[in-house]
Amino acid sequence: MVNTLIIQACKRKEHNAFKQCYEACAPYVYTIIRNYINNEDDRKDAMQEAFAHIFNSIHRFDEKKGKFKSWISQITINQCINLLKQKNKLALLVPLEEKHNPAALDELEIEGLNKALLEKLLAKMPTGYRTIFLLNLVEGYSHNEIAEILQITPETSRSQLSRAIKWMRKHYTAHLKSITYG
């Protein structure tokens, strides 16, 4: 990733350091964006917004509080969510009238999936499901944190995760059947 000298040079607003930082971090940032956003034009917008925010706020980064990779990851995820909200692509989140039992959620064993298949399935998953799936199972956010980020209820987050897991299982099973039976 990026070493401390480059980060310090970015804080001093040295143009070459920004370029080095971008080149080192762009593949990582793009991977995060690709997980959240399907449309290529939207991905480009998110990439631009993420790096604008990173460079405009790099003076606030404190290596004593955490790693640079985690810091840019958080900024990138926030930019993706903001873009999805602006484009109203999180409208697929459907609140439930009844409370959902968090203990009833089955865990999806994503460790058994190869990375390429997981990425392929995530790209096809509806945006609302995918966002909560990634925030909870990949990024480790709690349902309360997701509710705050997306301005929904924790119950809605739980229900959307449950639906995302069911969606993933259904499509994974269909994939296995197509391999087995042609």
C-alpha atoms as a PDB file:
ATOM      1  CA  MET A   1       0.000   0.000   0.000  1.00  0.00           C
ATOM      2  CA  VAL A   2       1.374   3.463   0.809  1.00  0.00           C
ATOM      3  CA  ASN A   3       4.257   4.165   3.152  1.00  0.00           C
ATOM      4  CA  THR A   4       4.390   6.865   5.812  1.00  0.00           C
ATOM      5  CA  LEU A   5       6.689   9.110   3.736  1.00  0.00           C
ATOM      6  CA  ILE A   6       4.159   9.309   0.906  1.00  0.00           C
ATOM      7  CA  ILE A   7       1.334  10.022   3.359  1.00  0.00           C
ATOM      8  CA  GLN A   8       3.368  12.817   4.959  1.00  0.00           C
ATOM      9  CA  ALA A   9       4.177  14.250   1.512  1.00  0.00           C
ATOM     10  CA  CYS A  10       0.447  14.163   0.657  1.00  0.00           C
ATOM     11  CA  LYS A  11      -0.266  16.068   3.857  1.00  0.00           C
ATOM     12  CA  ARG A  12       2.205  18.711   2.606  1.00  0.00           C
ATOM     13  CA  LYS A  13       0.212  18.727  -0.678  1.00  0.00           C
ATOM     14  CA  GLU A  14       3.097  17.521  -2.836  1.00  0.00           C
ATOM     15  CA  HIS A  15       1.708  16.728  -6.292  1.00  0.00           C
ATOM     16  CA  ASN A  16       4.032  13.772  -6.931  1.00  0.00           C
ATOM     17  CA  ALA A  17       3.009  12.185  -3.629  1.00  0.00           C
ATOM     18  CA  PHE A  18      -0.672  12.379  -4.588  1.00  0.00           C
ATOM     19  CA  LYS A  19       0.168  10.614  -7.835  1.00  0.00           C
ATOM     20  CA  GLN A  20       2.123   7.876  -6.012  1.00  0.00           C
ATOM     21  CA  CYS A  21      -0.665   7.442  -3.488  1.00  0.00           C
ATOM     22  CA  TYR A  22      -3.280   7.189  -6.231  1.00  0.00           C
ATOM     23  CA  GLU A  23      -1.273   4.647  -8.207  1.00  0.00           C
ATOM     24  CA  ALA A  24      -0.664   2.516  -5.113  1.00  0.00           C
ATOM     25  CA  CYS A  25      -4.236   2.651  -3.808  1.00  0.00           C
ATOM     26  CA  ALA A  26      -6.368   2.765  -6.969  1.00  0.00           C
ATOM     27  CA  PRO A  27      -6.635  -1.025  -7.492  1.00  0.00           C
ATOM     28  CA  TYR A  28      -7.704  -1.543  -3.872  1.00  0.00           C
ATOM     29  CA  VAL A  29     -10.208   1.322  -3.957  1.00  0.00           C
ATOM     30  CA  TYR A  30     -11.620   0.132  -7.282  1.00  0.00           C
ATOM     31  CA  THR A  31     -12.111  -3.386  -5.905  1.00  0.00           C
ATOM     32  CA  ILE A  32     -14.214  -2.000  -3.063  1.00  0.00           C
ATOM     33  CA  ILE A  33     -16.211   0.168  -5.464  1.00  0.00           C
ATOM     34  CA  ARG A  34     -16.766  -2.757  -7.850  1.00  0.00           C
ATOM     35  CA  ASN A  35     -18.281  -4.747  -4.992  1.00  0.00           C
ATOM     36  CA  TYR A  36     -20.875  -2.071  -4.235  1.00  0.00           C
ATOM     37  CA  ILE A  37     -21.616  -0.540  -7.644  1.00  0.00           C
ATOM     38  CA  ASN A  38     -22.433  -2.341 -10.907  1.00  0.00           C
ATOM     39  CA  ASN A  39     -22.637   0.525 -13.403  1.00  0.00           C
ATOM     40  CA  GLU A  40     -19.228   1.461 -14.838  1.00  0.00           C
ATOM     41  CA  ASP A  41     -20.036   5.193 -15.095  1.00  0.00           C
ATOM     42  CA  ASP A  42     -21.135   5.169 -11.455  1.00  0.00           C
ATOM     43  CA  ARG A  43     -17.918   3.338 -10.559  1.00  0.00           C
ATOM     44  CA  LYS A  44     -15.878   6.079 -12.191  1.00  0.00           C
ATOM     45  CA  ASP A  45     -17.839   8.719 -10.283  1.00  0.00           C
ATOM     46  CA  ALA A  46     -17.328   6.843  -7.012  1.00  0.00           C
ATOM     47  CA  MET A  47     -13.602   6.473  -7.720  1.00  0.00           C
ATOM     48  CA  GLN A  48     -13.260  10.183  -8.379  1.00  0.00           C
ATOM     49  CA  GLU A  49     -15.279  11.110  -5.294  1.00  0.00           C
ATOM     50  CA  ALA A  50     -13.394   8.667  -3.075  1.00  0.00           C
ATOM     51  CA  PHE A  51      -9.979  10.014  -4.048  1.00  0.00           C
ATOM     52  CA  ALA A  52     -11.155  13.613  -3.843  1.00  0.00           C
ATOM     53  CA  HIS A  53     -12.310  12.934  -0.296  1.00  0.00           C
ATOM     54  CA  ILE A  54      -9.131  11.014   0.571  1.00  0.00           C
ATOM     55  CA  PHE A  55      -6.882  13.810  -0.661  1.00  0.00           C
ATOM     56  CA  ASN A  56      -8.989  16.612   0.797  1.00  0.00           C
ATOM     57  CA  SER A  57      -9.039  15.011   4.226  1.00  0.00           C
ATOM     58  CA  ILE A  58      -5.641  13.303   4.340  1.00  0.00           C
ATOM     59  CA  HIS A  59      -4.484  15.883   6.880  1.00  0.00           C
ATOM     60  CA  ARG A  60      -6.930  14.227   9.331  1.00  0.00           C
ATOM     61  CA  PHE A  61      -5.422  10.762   8.928  1.00  0.00           C
ATOM     62  CA  ASP A  62      -3.581   9.698  12.073  1.00  0.00           C
ATOM     63  CA  GLU A  63      -1.553   6.493  11.836  1.00  0.00           C
ATOM     64  CA  LYS A  64      -1.764   6.151  15.620  1.00  0.00           C
ATOM     65  CA  LYS A  65      -5.514   5.582  15.302  1.00  0.00           C
ATOM     66  CA  GLY A  66      -5.394   2.981  12.558  1.00  0.00           C
ATOM     67  CA  LYS A  67      -4.005   1.802   9.266  1.00  0.00           C
ATOM     68  CA  PHE A  68      -4.182   3.889   6.109  1.00  0.00           C
ATOM     69  CA  LYS A  69      -5.772   0.971   4.246  1.00  0.00           C
ATOM     70  CA  SER A  70      -8.640   0.839   6.749  1.00  0.00           C
ATOM     71  CA  TRP A  71      -9.056   4.605   6.589  1.00  0.00           C
ATOM     72  CA  ILE A  72      -9.339   4.708   2.785  1.00  0.00           C
ATOM     73  CA  SER A  73     -11.595   1.661   2.854  1.00  0.00           C
ATOM     74  CA  GLN A  74     -14.044   3.472   5.151  1.00  0.00           C
ATOM     75  CA  ILE A  75     -13.996   6.574   2.949  1.00  0.00           C
ATOM     76  CA  THR A  76     -14.577   4.480  -0.172  1.00  0.00           C
ATOM     77  CA  ILE A  77     -17.494   2.560   1.332  1.00  0.00           C
ATOM     78  CA  ASN A  78     -19.081   5.822   2.475  1.00  0.00           C
ATOM     79  CA  GLN A  79     -18.694   7.304  -1.011  1.00  0.00           C
ATOM     80  CA  CYS A  80     -20.305   4.220  -2.557  1.00  0.00           C
ATOM     81  CA  ILE A  81     -23.236   4.415  -0.174  1.00  0.00           C
ATOM     82  CA  ASN A  82     -23.624   8.148  -0.786  1.00  0.00           C
ATOM     83  CA  LEU A  83     -23.638   7.583  -4.536  1.00  0.00           C
ATOM     84  CA  LEU A  84     -26.205   4.779  -4.231  1.00  0.00           C
ATOM     85  CA  LYS A  85     -28.393   7.037  -2.075  1.00  0.00           C
ATOM     86  CA  GLN A  86     -28.106   9.908  -4.578  1.00  0.00           C
ATOM     87  CA  LYS A  87     -29.070   7.626  -7.431  1.00  0.00           C
ATOM     88  CA  ASN A  88     -31.860   6.131  -5.292  1.00  0.00           C
ATOM     89  CA  LYS A  89     -30.455   2.656  -5.856  1.00  0.00           C
ATOM     90  CA  LEU A  90     -30.994   1.668  -2.241  1.00  0.00           C
ATOM     91  CA  ALA A  91     -34.735   1.907  -2.807  1.00  0.00           C
ATOM     92  CA  LEU A  92     -34.767  -1.885  -2.927  1.00  0.00           C
ATOM     93  CA  LEU A  93     -34.599  -1.910   0.861  1.00  0.00           C
ATOM     94  CA  VAL A  94     -38.046  -2.925   1.998  1.00  0.00           C
ATOM     95  CA  PRO A  95     -38.949  -2.387   5.657  1.00  0.00           C
ATOM     96  CA  LEU A  96     -40.732  -5.248   7.360  1.00  0.00           C
ATOM     97  CA  GLU A  97     -43.804  -4.682   9.452  1.00  0.00           C
ATOM     98  CA  GLU A  98     -42.973  -7.474  11.858  1.00  0.00           C
ATOM     99  CA  LYS A  99     -39.777  -7.786  13.872  1.00  0.00           C
ATOM    100  CA  HIS A 100     -37.238 -10.201  12.493  1.00  0.00           C
ATOM    101  CA  ASN A 101     -35.518 -12.661  14.801  1.00  0.00           C
ATOM    102  CA  PRO A 102     -31.752 -12.180  14.382  1.00  0.00           C
ATOM    103  CA  ALA A 103     -31.124 -15.689  15.726  1.00  0.00           C
ATOM    104  CA  ALA A 104     -33.150 -17.074  12.833  1.00  0.00           C
ATOM    105  CA  LEU A 105     -30.608 -15.881  10.290  1.00  0.00           C
ATOM    106  CA  ASP A 106     -28.642 -18.766   8.857  1.00  0.00           C
ATOM    107  CA  GLU A 107     -25.012 -18.041   8.206  1.00  0.00           C
ATOM    108  CA  LEU A 108     -23.951 -18.264   4.615  1.00  0.00           C
ATOM    109  CA  GLU A 109     -20.686 -20.119   4.283  1.00  0.00           C
ATOM    110  CA  ILE A 110     -18.888 -17.842   1.845  1.00  0.00           C
ATOM    111  CA  GLU A 111     -15.523 -19.408   2.644  1.00  0.00           C
ATOM    112  CA  GLY A 112     -16.410 -22.356   0.411  1.00  0.00           C
ATOM    113  CA  LEU A 113     -17.023 -20.124  -2.587  1.00  0.00           C
ATOM    114  CA  ASN A 114     -14.118 -19.198  -4.775  1.00  0.00           C
ATOM    115  CA  LYS A 115     -13.490 -15.468  -5.091  1.00  0.00           C
ATOM    116  CA  ALA A 116     -14.396 -15.244  -8.780  1.00  0.00           C
ATOM    117  CA  LEU A 117     -17.761 -16.959  -8.254  1.00  0.00           C
ATOM    118  CA  LEU A 118     -18.543 -14.832  -5.209  1.00  0.00           C
ATOM    119  CA  GLU A 119     -17.778 -11.648  -7.189  1.00  0.00           C
ATOM    120  CA  LYS A 120     -19.913 -12.880 -10.091  1.00  0.00           C
ATOM    121  CA  LEU A 121     -22.863 -13.612  -7.805  1.00  0.00           C
ATOM    122  CA  LEU A 122     -22.463 -10.290  -5.958  1.00  0.00           C
ATOM    123  CA  ALA A 123     -22.502  -8.416  -9.276  1.00  0.00           C
ATOM    124  CA  LYS A 124     -25.911  -9.952 -10.049  1.00  0.00           C
ATOM    125  CA  MET A 125     -27.351  -9.447  -6.552  1.00  0.00           C
ATOM    126  CA  PRO A 126     -29.876  -6.597  -6.180  1.00  0.00           C
ATOM    127  CA  THR A 127     -28.158  -3.439  -4.924  1.00  0.00           C
ATOM    128  CA  GLY A 128     -29.960  -3.211  -1.595  1.00  0.00           C
ATOM    129  CA  TYR A 129     -29.206  -6.814  -0.724  1.00  0.00           C
ATOM    130  CA  ARG A 130     -25.590  -6.536  -1.894  1.00  0.00           C
ATOM    131  CA  THR A 131     -24.926  -3.392   0.137  1.00  0.00           C
ATOM    132  CA  ILE A 132     -26.099  -4.921   3.398  1.00  0.00           C
ATOM    133  CA  PHE A 133     -24.461  -8.261   2.590  1.00  0.00           C
ATOM    134  CA  LEU A 134     -21.105  -6.531   2.085  1.00  0.00           C
ATOM    135  CA  LEU A 135     -21.438  -4.189   5.047  1.00  0.00           C
ATOM    136  CA  ASN A 136     -22.361  -6.993   7.449  1.00  0.00           C
ATOM    137  CA  LEU A 137     -20.594 -10.143   6.277  1.00  0.00           C
ATOM    138  CA  VAL A 138     -17.548  -8.639   4.573  1.00  0.00           C
ATOM    139  CA  GLU A 139     -16.916  -5.363   6.393  1.00  0.00           C
ATOM    140  CA  GLY A 140     -18.227  -6.557   9.775  1.00  0.00           C
ATOM    141  CA  TYR A 141     -20.701  -3.755  10.544  1.00  0.00           C
ATOM    142  CA  SER A 142     -23.456  -4.540  13.038  1.00  0.00           C
ATOM    143  CA  HIS A 143     -27.107  -4.135  12.060  1.00  0.00           C
ATOM    144  CA  ASN A 144     -27.305  -1.055  14.293  1.00  0.00           C
ATOM    145  CA  GLU A 145     -24.325   0.502  12.484  1.00  0.00           C
ATOM    146  CA  ILE A 146     -25.788  -0.372   9.072  1.00  0.00           C
ATOM    147  CA  ALA A 147     -29.129   1.111  10.131  1.00  0.00           C
ATOM    148  CA  GLU A 148     -27.398   4.358  11.050  1.00  0.00           C
ATOM    149  CA  ILE A 149     -25.350   4.486   7.828  1.00  0.00           C
ATOM    150  CA  LEU A 150     -28.296   3.718   5.536  1.00  0.00           C
ATOM    151  CA  GLN A 151     -30.937   5.489   7.636  1.00  0.00           C
ATOM    152  CA  ILE A 152     -33.067   2.382   8.018  1.00  0.00           C
ATOM    153  CA  THR A 153     -34.087   0.306  11.029  1.00  0.00           C
ATOM    154  CA  PRO A 154     -31.912  -2.533  12.352  1.00  0.00           C
ATOM    155  CA  GLU A 155     -34.816  -4.873  11.597  1.00  0.00           C
ATOM    156  CA  THR A 156     -34.754  -3.812   7.950  1.00  0.00           C
ATOM    157  CA  SER A 157     -31.014  -4.484   7.861  1.00  0.00           C
ATOM    158  CA  ARG A 158     -31.548  -7.959   9.329  1.00  0.00           C
ATOM    159  CA  SER A 159     -34.359  -8.785   6.925  1.00  0.00           C
ATOM    160  CA  GLN A 160     -32.365  -7.566   3.915  1.00  0.00           C
ATOM    161  CA  LEU A 161     -29.372  -9.658   5.009  1.00  0.00           C
ATOM    162  CA  SER A 162     -31.627 -12.685   5.380  1.00  0.00           C
ATOM    163  CA  ARG A 163     -33.029 -12.090   1.893  1.00  0.00           C
ATOM    164  CA  ALA A 164     -29.519 -11.544   0.492  1.00  0.00           C
ATOM    165  CA  ILE A 165     -28.360 -14.848   1.966  1.00  0.00           C
ATOM    166  CA  LYS A 166     -31.389 -16.654   0.525  1.00  0.00           C
ATOM    167  CA  TRP A 167     -30.725 -14.991  -2.838  1.00  0.00           C
ATOM    168  CA  MET A 168     -27.058 -16.041  -2.717  1.00  0.00           C
ATOM    169  CA  ARG A 169     -27.942 -19.643  -1.810  1.00  0.00           C
ATOM    170  CA  LYS A 170     -30.517 -19.859  -4.600  1.00  0.00           C
ATOM    171  CA  HIS A 171     -28.124 -18.546  -7.238  1.00  0.00           C
ATOM    172  CA  TYR A 172     -25.196 -20.588  -5.941  1.00  0.00           C
ATOM    173  CA  THR A 173     -27.352 -23.740  -6.092  1.00  0.00           C
ATOM    174  CA  ALA A 174     -28.427 -22.847  -9.631  1.00  0.00           C
ATOM    175  CA  HIS A 175     -24.771 -22.399 -10.550  1.00  0.00           C
ATOM    176  CA  LEU A 176     -23.895 -25.833  -9.134  1.00  0.00           C
ATOM    177  CA  LYS A 177     -26.803 -27.434 -11.007  1.00  0.00           C
ATOM    178  CA  SER A 178     -25.688 -25.837 -14.283  1.00  0.00           C
ATOM    179  CA  ILE A 179     -22.193 -27.238 -13.775  1.00  0.00           C
ATOM    180  CA  THR A 180     -23.472 -30.680 -12.809  1.00  0.00           C
ATOM    181  CA  TYR A 181     -26.243 -31.066 -15.375  1.00  0.00           C
ATOM    182  CA  GLY A 182     -25.036 -28.716 -18.076  1.00  0.00           C
END
